[in-house]
Every structure is written in C-alpha cells, then in structure tokens.
Amino acid sequence: MSNLKRTALGYVTYEEYNQLISALSQKAFLSVKETSVYFGVSVSRIYEMIKQDGESFTIKFSHGATAGYKIDSQHFQDYIRKNGM
C-alpha cells in the first residue's frame, strides 16, 4: 500500500492522484468528497464549515430522493484563505 494515496474517494496511485487533482482543478463546483481530496480538508470538517458558514460557498441541491451540496471551488478557496486554514 506504500505506492497508494488514501483519499476520501478511496485509494489511488500517485499517478491517478495527480490526474484527479488536475481534473478537479478544472471544475467550478465540487462534491463534498471531491472538495476533501482537492483541498486536503476532511469530509467531517467540510460539513462543520457548511453548518457554520456554508451559504458563502455552497449550493444546496435536490434531485429526486437525493439531496446534498455542491461547493463552489473558488468561493471555498477564498473562505479557507480568509479563515486561515
């Protein structure tokens, strides 16, 4: 397992991780797990931030029985810079 990187999306090789980060950097909106991988913040911490001040960087969505959040990657980056994370 030493050649693998553990992420919120599972274990990936470092080459796959680099490709994933590159792909995520192109997306305007990320899932909570993608945000965790891209910014290196735990999923539980992201949910805490959403509860505290999520309106500044999230969009709540509902699609049928599925509901959740999409995170505006630029606004989230601004938020974590502003809050010293």
C-alpha atoms as a PDB file:
ATOM      1  CA  MET A   1       0.000   0.000   0.000  1.00  0.00           C
ATOM      2  CA  SER A   2       3.006   2.331   0.132  1.00  0.00           C
ATOM      3  CA  ASN A   3       2.502   3.193  -3.550  1.00  0.00           C
ATOM      4  CA  LEU A   4      -1.077   4.268  -2.918  1.00  0.00           C
ATOM      5  CA  LYS A   5      -2.558   7.545  -1.707  1.00  0.00           C
ATOM      6  CA  ARG A   6      -5.569   7.380   0.587  1.00  0.00           C
ATOM      7  CA  THR A   7      -8.276   9.905  -0.317  1.00  0.00           C
ATOM      8  CA  ALA A   8     -11.923  10.469   0.542  1.00  0.00           C
ATOM      9  CA  LEU A   9     -12.660   8.764  -2.765  1.00  0.00           C
ATOM     10  CA  GLY A  10     -10.598   5.673  -1.907  1.00  0.00           C
ATOM     11  CA  TYR A  11      -7.038   4.540  -2.552  1.00  0.00           C
ATOM     12  CA  VAL A  12      -5.386   5.678  -5.780  1.00  0.00           C
ATOM     13  CA  THR A  13      -1.896   5.504  -7.188  1.00  0.00           C
ATOM     14  CA  TYR A  14       0.079   8.742  -7.108  1.00  0.00           C
ATOM     15  CA  GLU A  15      -0.224   8.999 -10.897  1.00  0.00           C
ATOM     16  CA  GLU A  16      -4.015   8.658 -10.604  1.00  0.00           C
ATOM     17  CA  TYR A  17      -3.983  11.183  -7.757  1.00  0.00           C
ATOM     18  CA  ASN A  18      -2.140  13.724  -9.906  1.00  0.00           C
ATOM     19  CA  GLN A  19      -4.647  13.186 -12.714  1.00  0.00           C
ATOM     20  CA  LEU A  20      -7.528  13.522 -10.253  1.00  0.00           C
ATOM     21  CA  ILE A  21      -6.189  16.788  -8.826  1.00  0.00           C
ATOM     22  CA  SER A  22      -5.720  18.125 -12.347  1.00  0.00           C
ATOM     23  CA  ALA A  23      -9.299  17.206 -13.269  1.00  0.00           C
ATOM     24  CA  LEU A  24     -10.734  18.660 -10.051  1.00  0.00           C
ATOM     25  CA  SER A  25      -8.866  21.926 -10.609  1.00  0.00           C
ATOM     26  CA  GLN A  26     -10.920  22.419 -13.795  1.00  0.00           C
ATOM     27  CA  LYS A  27     -14.304  22.038 -12.085  1.00  0.00           C
ATOM     28  CA  ALA A  28     -16.227  25.060 -10.836  1.00  0.00           C
ATOM     29  CA  PHE A  29     -18.371  23.016  -8.441  1.00  0.00           C
ATOM     30  CA  LEU A  30     -17.226  20.024  -6.409  1.00  0.00           C
ATOM     31  CA  SER A  31     -18.930  17.397  -4.293  1.00  0.00           C
ATOM     32  CA  VAL A  32     -18.013  17.307  -0.602  1.00  0.00           C
ATOM     33  CA  LYS A  33     -15.709  14.320  -1.198  1.00  0.00           C
ATOM     34  CA  GLU A  34     -14.056  15.991  -4.194  1.00  0.00           C
ATOM     35  CA  THR A  35     -13.549  19.123  -2.087  1.00  0.00           C
ATOM     36  CA  SER A  36     -11.929  16.981   0.594  1.00  0.00           C
ATOM     37  CA  VAL A  37      -9.484  15.499  -1.910  1.00  0.00           C
ATOM     38  CA  TYR A  38      -8.694  18.760  -3.711  1.00  0.00           C
ATOM     39  CA  PHE A  39      -8.233  20.976  -0.648  1.00  0.00           C
ATOM     40  CA  GLY A  40      -6.975  18.348   1.808  1.00  0.00           C
ATOM     41  CA  VAL A  41      -9.720  19.027   4.344  1.00  0.00           C
ATOM     42  CA  SER A  42     -11.583  16.143   5.977  1.00  0.00           C
ATOM     43  CA  VAL A  43     -15.172  15.460   4.942  1.00  0.00           C
ATOM     44  CA  SER A  44     -16.357  15.937   8.534  1.00  0.00           C
ATOM     45  CA  ARG A  45     -14.596  19.319   8.750  1.00  0.00           C
ATOM     46  CA  ILE A  46     -16.212  20.424   5.478  1.00  0.00           C
ATOM     47  CA  TYR A  47     -19.653  19.570   6.876  1.00  0.00           C
ATOM     48  CA  GLU A  48     -18.812  21.582  10.015  1.00  0.00           C
ATOM     49  CA  MET A  49     -17.864  24.553   7.836  1.00  0.00           C
ATOM     50  CA  ILE A  50     -21.096  24.176   5.852  1.00  0.00           C
ATOM     51  CA  LYS A  51     -23.113  24.298   9.088  1.00  0.00           C
ATOM     52  CA  GLN A  52     -21.209  27.384  10.297  1.00  0.00           C
ATOM     53  CA  ASP A  53     -20.971  29.496   7.143  1.00  0.00           C
ATOM     54  CA  GLY A  54     -21.926  27.351   4.179  1.00  0.00           C
ATOM     55  CA  GLU A  55     -24.048  29.907   2.402  1.00  0.00           C
ATOM     56  CA  SER A  56     -20.902  31.701   1.276  1.00  0.00           C
ATOM     57  CA  PHE A  57     -19.552  28.744  -0.721  1.00  0.00           C
ATOM     58  CA  THR A  58     -22.260  26.085  -1.198  1.00  0.00           C
ATOM     59  CA  ILE A  59     -25.246  25.400  -3.357  1.00  0.00           C
ATOM     60  CA  LYS A  60     -27.818  23.025  -1.914  1.00  0.00           C
ATOM     61  CA  PHE A  61     -29.397  20.732  -4.472  1.00  0.00           C
ATOM     62  CA  SER A  62     -32.172  18.190  -4.583  1.00  0.00           C
ATOM     63  CA  HIS A  63     -32.637  15.673  -7.358  1.00  0.00           C
ATOM     64  CA  GLY A  64     -35.469  13.261  -6.679  1.00  0.00           C
ATOM     65  CA  ALA A  65     -34.716  11.457  -3.432  1.00  0.00           C
ATOM     66  CA  THR A  66     -31.113  12.706  -3.476  1.00  0.00           C
ATOM     67  CA  ALA A  67     -30.120  15.936  -1.790  1.00  0.00           C
ATOM     68  CA  GLY A  68     -26.757  17.393  -0.969  1.00  0.00           C
ATOM     69  CA  TYR A  69     -24.312  20.202  -1.512  1.00  0.00           C
ATOM     70  CA  LYS A  70     -22.116  21.380  -4.324  1.00  0.00           C
ATOM     71  CA  ILE A  71     -19.206  23.517  -3.308  1.00  0.00           C
ATOM     72  CA  ASP A  72     -18.106  26.473  -5.384  1.00  0.00           C
ATOM     73  CA  SER A  73     -14.377  25.781  -5.532  1.00  0.00           C
ATOM     74  CA  GLN A  74     -13.326  29.434  -5.915  1.00  0.00           C
ATOM     75  CA  HIS A  75     -15.548  30.649  -3.071  1.00  0.00           C
ATOM     76  CA  PHE A  76     -14.374  27.768  -0.858  1.00  0.00           C
ATOM     77  CA  GLN A  77     -10.751  28.635  -1.575  1.00  0.00           C
ATOM     78  CA  ASP A  78     -11.478  32.264  -0.673  1.00  0.00           C
ATOM     79  CA  TYR A  79     -13.249  31.103   2.512  1.00  0.00           C
ATOM     80  CA  ILE A  80     -10.378  28.948   3.742  1.00  0.00           C
ATOM     81  CA  ARG A  81      -7.840  31.685   2.963  1.00  0.00           C
ATOM     82  CA  LYS A  82      -9.941  34.265   4.816  1.00  0.00           C
ATOM     83  CA  ASN A  83     -10.315  31.968   7.821  1.00  0.00           C
ATOM     84  CA  GLY A  84      -6.661  30.974   7.994  1.00  0.00           C
ATOM     85  CA  MET A  85      -6.956  27.326   7.143  1.00  0.00           C
END
